N, C-alpha and C. Protein backbone atom coordinates (compact mmCIF):
# COMPACT_ATOMS: atom_id res chain seq x y z
N MET A 1 25.49 175.40 -61.04
CA MET A 1 24.79 176.66 -61.09
C MET A 1 25.79 177.77 -60.74
N SER A 2 25.81 178.85 -61.55
CA SER A 2 26.70 179.96 -61.30
C SER A 2 26.00 181.00 -60.43
N ASN A 3 26.77 181.95 -59.92
CA ASN A 3 26.19 183.03 -59.13
C ASN A 3 25.18 183.83 -59.93
N ASP A 4 25.38 183.92 -61.25
CA ASP A 4 24.46 184.66 -62.12
C ASP A 4 23.09 184.00 -62.17
N ASP A 5 23.02 182.70 -61.88
CA ASP A 5 21.76 181.98 -61.92
C ASP A 5 20.96 182.12 -60.63
N ILE A 6 21.60 182.62 -59.59
CA ILE A 6 20.94 182.75 -58.30
C ILE A 6 20.38 184.16 -58.20
N ILE A 7 19.08 184.27 -58.16
CA ILE A 7 18.42 185.57 -58.11
C ILE A 7 17.52 185.60 -56.89
N VAL A 8 17.68 186.59 -56.07
CA VAL A 8 16.87 186.73 -54.86
C VAL A 8 15.48 187.21 -55.25
N LYS A 9 14.46 186.55 -54.74
CA LYS A 9 13.09 186.96 -55.03
C LYS A 9 12.63 187.99 -54.03
N GLN A 10 12.01 189.05 -54.54
CA GLN A 10 11.40 190.05 -53.70
C GLN A 10 10.00 189.58 -53.36
N PRO A 11 9.37 190.14 -52.31
CA PRO A 11 8.05 189.68 -51.89
C PRO A 11 7.00 189.65 -53.00
N ALA A 12 7.04 190.60 -53.92
CA ALA A 12 6.03 190.65 -54.98
C ALA A 12 6.30 189.63 -56.08
N GLY A 13 7.38 188.87 -55.98
CA GLY A 13 7.71 187.89 -57.00
C GLY A 13 8.78 188.38 -57.96
N CYS A 14 8.95 189.68 -58.05
CA CYS A 14 9.97 190.25 -58.93
C CYS A 14 11.34 189.84 -58.42
N ARG A 15 12.20 189.41 -59.34
CA ARG A 15 13.54 188.98 -58.96
C ARG A 15 14.51 190.16 -58.98
N ALA A 16 14.99 190.53 -57.83
CA ALA A 16 16.00 191.60 -57.76
C ALA A 16 17.19 191.20 -58.62
N GLY A 17 17.65 192.12 -59.43
CA GLY A 17 18.79 191.84 -60.29
C GLY A 17 18.42 191.26 -61.63
N CYS A 18 17.14 191.12 -61.93
CA CYS A 18 16.71 190.60 -63.23
C CYS A 18 16.85 191.68 -64.29
N GLY A 19 16.10 192.75 -64.18
CA GLY A 19 16.20 193.87 -65.11
C GLY A 19 15.65 193.62 -66.50
N ALA A 20 15.05 192.47 -66.76
CA ALA A 20 14.55 192.16 -68.10
C ALA A 20 13.55 193.19 -68.60
N CYS A 21 12.69 193.67 -67.71
CA CYS A 21 11.67 194.64 -68.12
C CYS A 21 12.27 196.01 -68.39
N CYS A 22 13.54 196.20 -68.06
CA CYS A 22 14.24 197.45 -68.32
C CYS A 22 15.15 197.34 -69.54
N ILE A 23 15.14 196.18 -70.16
CA ILE A 23 15.99 195.94 -71.33
C ILE A 23 15.17 195.55 -72.55
N ALA A 24 14.36 194.51 -72.44
CA ALA A 24 13.69 193.92 -73.60
C ALA A 24 12.65 194.83 -74.27
N PRO A 25 11.73 195.44 -73.53
CA PRO A 25 10.69 196.21 -74.22
C PRO A 25 11.14 197.62 -74.59
N SER A 26 10.48 198.15 -75.61
CA SER A 26 10.66 199.57 -75.92
C SER A 26 9.86 200.37 -74.91
N ILE A 27 10.30 201.57 -74.62
CA ILE A 27 9.57 202.46 -73.73
C ILE A 27 9.47 203.79 -74.45
N SER A 28 8.26 204.21 -74.79
CA SER A 28 8.07 205.45 -75.55
C SER A 28 8.02 206.68 -74.66
N SER A 29 7.81 206.48 -73.37
CA SER A 29 7.78 207.60 -72.42
C SER A 29 9.19 208.12 -72.18
N ALA A 30 9.27 209.41 -71.87
CA ALA A 30 10.56 209.99 -71.50
C ALA A 30 11.06 209.34 -70.21
N ILE A 31 12.34 209.10 -70.17
CA ILE A 31 13.02 208.54 -69.00
C ILE A 31 14.12 209.54 -68.66
N PRO A 32 14.32 209.90 -67.40
CA PRO A 32 15.44 210.79 -67.09
C PRO A 32 16.74 210.24 -67.70
N GLY A 33 17.37 211.06 -68.52
CA GLY A 33 18.59 210.64 -69.22
C GLY A 33 18.32 210.03 -70.59
N MET A 34 17.05 209.74 -70.88
CA MET A 34 16.63 209.20 -72.18
C MET A 34 15.31 209.89 -72.55
N PRO A 35 15.37 211.16 -72.94
CA PRO A 35 14.15 211.93 -73.16
C PRO A 35 13.23 211.39 -74.25
N GLN A 36 13.76 210.59 -75.16
CA GLN A 36 12.95 210.01 -76.23
C GLN A 36 12.49 208.58 -75.90
N GLY A 37 12.73 208.15 -74.67
CA GLY A 37 12.45 206.76 -74.30
C GLY A 37 13.59 205.88 -74.77
N LYS A 38 13.29 204.60 -75.00
CA LYS A 38 14.33 203.67 -75.44
C LYS A 38 13.76 202.62 -76.38
N PRO A 39 14.56 202.18 -77.34
CA PRO A 39 14.11 201.10 -78.22
C PRO A 39 14.20 199.74 -77.52
N ALA A 40 13.49 198.79 -78.07
CA ALA A 40 13.53 197.42 -77.55
C ALA A 40 14.96 196.90 -77.61
N GLY A 41 15.33 196.18 -76.58
CA GLY A 41 16.65 195.55 -76.53
C GLY A 41 17.75 196.45 -75.98
N MET A 42 17.47 197.73 -75.79
CA MET A 42 18.47 198.64 -75.23
C MET A 42 18.29 198.72 -73.72
N ARG A 43 19.39 198.65 -73.02
CA ARG A 43 19.39 198.75 -71.57
C ARG A 43 18.99 200.18 -71.17
N CYS A 44 18.06 200.30 -70.24
CA CYS A 44 17.67 201.61 -69.74
C CYS A 44 18.85 202.24 -69.02
N ILE A 45 19.06 203.52 -69.24
CA ILE A 45 20.17 204.23 -68.60
C ILE A 45 20.02 204.25 -67.09
N GLN A 46 18.81 204.06 -66.59
CA GLN A 46 18.56 204.08 -65.15
C GLN A 46 18.73 202.72 -64.49
N LEU A 47 19.12 201.71 -65.26
CA LEU A 47 19.37 200.38 -64.71
C LEU A 47 20.83 200.34 -64.25
N ASP A 48 21.05 200.09 -62.97
CA ASP A 48 22.42 200.13 -62.45
C ASP A 48 23.16 198.82 -62.74
N ASP A 49 24.40 198.75 -62.28
CA ASP A 49 25.25 197.58 -62.55
C ASP A 49 24.72 196.29 -61.92
N ASP A 50 23.84 196.42 -60.93
CA ASP A 50 23.23 195.26 -60.29
C ASP A 50 21.86 194.94 -60.88
N ASN A 51 21.54 195.58 -62.02
CA ASN A 51 20.24 195.42 -62.69
C ASN A 51 19.07 195.85 -61.80
N LEU A 52 19.27 196.91 -61.06
CA LEU A 52 18.22 197.50 -60.23
C LEU A 52 17.91 198.90 -60.75
N CYS A 53 16.65 199.27 -60.72
CA CYS A 53 16.22 200.58 -61.22
C CYS A 53 16.63 201.68 -60.24
N ARG A 54 17.35 202.66 -60.75
CA ARG A 54 17.74 203.80 -59.92
C ARG A 54 16.54 204.69 -59.57
N LEU A 55 15.47 204.57 -60.34
CA LEU A 55 14.30 205.43 -60.14
C LEU A 55 13.19 204.75 -59.35
N PHE A 56 13.42 203.52 -58.88
CA PHE A 56 12.37 202.80 -58.15
C PHE A 56 11.91 203.65 -56.97
N GLY A 57 10.62 203.91 -56.90
CA GLY A 57 10.04 204.72 -55.83
C GLY A 57 10.15 206.22 -56.05
N ASP A 58 10.78 206.63 -57.14
CA ASP A 58 10.96 208.05 -57.45
C ASP A 58 9.81 208.50 -58.37
N PRO A 59 9.26 209.69 -58.12
CA PRO A 59 8.15 210.15 -58.96
C PRO A 59 8.54 210.38 -60.42
N SER A 60 9.83 210.48 -60.72
CA SER A 60 10.24 210.68 -62.11
C SER A 60 10.30 209.37 -62.90
N ARG A 61 10.08 208.26 -62.22
CA ARG A 61 10.05 206.95 -62.91
C ARG A 61 8.84 206.93 -63.83
N PRO A 62 9.02 206.53 -65.11
CA PRO A 62 7.89 206.50 -66.03
C PRO A 62 6.73 205.64 -65.50
N LYS A 63 5.53 206.11 -65.75
CA LYS A 63 4.34 205.40 -65.28
C LYS A 63 4.29 203.98 -65.83
N VAL A 64 4.68 203.81 -67.07
CA VAL A 64 4.65 202.48 -67.69
C VAL A 64 5.53 201.50 -66.91
N CYS A 65 6.62 201.98 -66.36
CA CYS A 65 7.51 201.12 -65.58
C CYS A 65 6.85 200.73 -64.25
N GLY A 66 6.23 201.70 -63.61
CA GLY A 66 5.55 201.42 -62.35
C GLY A 66 4.35 200.52 -62.50
N ASN A 67 3.76 200.52 -63.71
CA ASN A 67 2.57 199.70 -63.96
C ASN A 67 2.91 198.27 -64.35
N PHE A 68 4.18 197.99 -64.64
CA PHE A 68 4.56 196.63 -65.00
C PHE A 68 4.76 195.83 -63.71
N HIS A 69 4.10 194.70 -63.62
CA HIS A 69 4.20 193.87 -62.43
C HIS A 69 4.63 192.46 -62.80
N PHE A 70 5.32 191.83 -61.90
CA PHE A 70 5.76 190.46 -62.08
C PHE A 70 4.57 189.57 -62.42
N ASP A 71 4.75 188.75 -63.42
CA ASP A 71 3.75 187.74 -63.81
C ASP A 71 4.55 186.52 -64.24
N ILE A 72 4.33 185.41 -63.58
CA ILE A 72 5.11 184.20 -63.85
C ILE A 72 5.01 183.78 -65.32
N SER A 73 3.88 184.06 -65.96
CA SER A 73 3.72 183.67 -67.36
C SER A 73 4.59 184.53 -68.29
N ILE A 74 4.99 185.69 -67.84
CA ILE A 74 5.88 186.56 -68.63
C ILE A 74 7.31 186.43 -68.13
N CYS A 75 7.49 186.47 -66.84
CA CYS A 75 8.83 186.51 -66.25
C CYS A 75 9.49 185.14 -66.13
N GLY A 76 8.68 184.10 -66.14
CA GLY A 76 9.23 182.75 -66.06
C GLY A 76 9.95 182.48 -64.75
N GLU A 77 10.79 181.48 -64.77
CA GLU A 77 11.53 181.07 -63.57
C GLU A 77 12.92 181.70 -63.49
N GLN A 78 13.43 182.19 -64.63
CA GLN A 78 14.78 182.75 -64.68
C GLN A 78 14.80 184.00 -65.55
N ARG A 79 15.81 184.81 -65.37
CA ARG A 79 15.97 186.06 -66.12
C ARG A 79 15.95 185.82 -67.63
N ASP A 80 16.65 184.79 -68.09
CA ASP A 80 16.70 184.53 -69.53
C ASP A 80 15.31 184.26 -70.10
N GLN A 81 14.46 183.60 -69.32
CA GLN A 81 13.09 183.37 -69.77
C GLN A 81 12.34 184.69 -69.89
N ALA A 82 12.52 185.57 -68.92
CA ALA A 82 11.86 186.88 -68.95
C ALA A 82 12.33 187.68 -70.16
N LEU A 83 13.62 187.70 -70.40
CA LEU A 83 14.15 188.44 -71.56
C LEU A 83 13.58 187.90 -72.87
N ALA A 84 13.54 186.58 -73.00
CA ALA A 84 13.04 185.96 -74.23
C ALA A 84 11.55 186.24 -74.42
N THR A 85 10.76 186.10 -73.37
CA THR A 85 9.31 186.32 -73.49
C THR A 85 9.01 187.78 -73.79
N LEU A 86 9.66 188.69 -73.10
CA LEU A 86 9.42 190.11 -73.34
C LEU A 86 9.87 190.52 -74.74
N ALA A 87 10.99 189.97 -75.21
CA ALA A 87 11.44 190.26 -76.58
C ALA A 87 10.44 189.73 -77.60
N TYR A 88 9.92 188.55 -77.37
CA TYR A 88 8.90 187.97 -78.25
C TYR A 88 7.65 188.85 -78.28
N LEU A 89 7.16 189.22 -77.10
CA LEU A 89 5.95 190.06 -77.04
C LEU A 89 6.18 191.41 -77.71
N GLU A 90 7.34 191.97 -77.52
CA GLU A 90 7.69 193.25 -78.18
C GLU A 90 7.62 193.10 -79.70
N ALA A 91 8.23 192.05 -80.22
CA ALA A 91 8.25 191.82 -81.67
C ALA A 91 6.83 191.58 -82.22
N GLU A 92 6.02 190.88 -81.46
CA GLU A 92 4.66 190.57 -81.91
C GLU A 92 3.71 191.77 -81.85
N THR A 93 4.08 192.81 -81.13
CA THR A 93 3.19 193.96 -81.00
C THR A 93 3.68 195.20 -81.75
N ARG A 94 4.63 195.03 -82.63
CA ARG A 94 5.12 196.17 -83.42
C ARG A 94 4.12 196.57 -84.45
């Protein structure tokens, strides 16, 4: 197992350093630095090098981001599972 496979779990179940929900889905809401939102598969400009949201807890964070919550059926056991599931759901809802 590499260091990339080790992800610390936060109390709510969300894995710090995952960032899948900030990459895989499209976001149509304005994001600071991305006024038109972002397309699916593009890394959010607010995702830092450690895959943590720079806007977490900030009122300028898009509501859609704050409303997304960890769900084992979507996020899976590892980041790659979350990316794959979210990409699949994005493609199926176009």
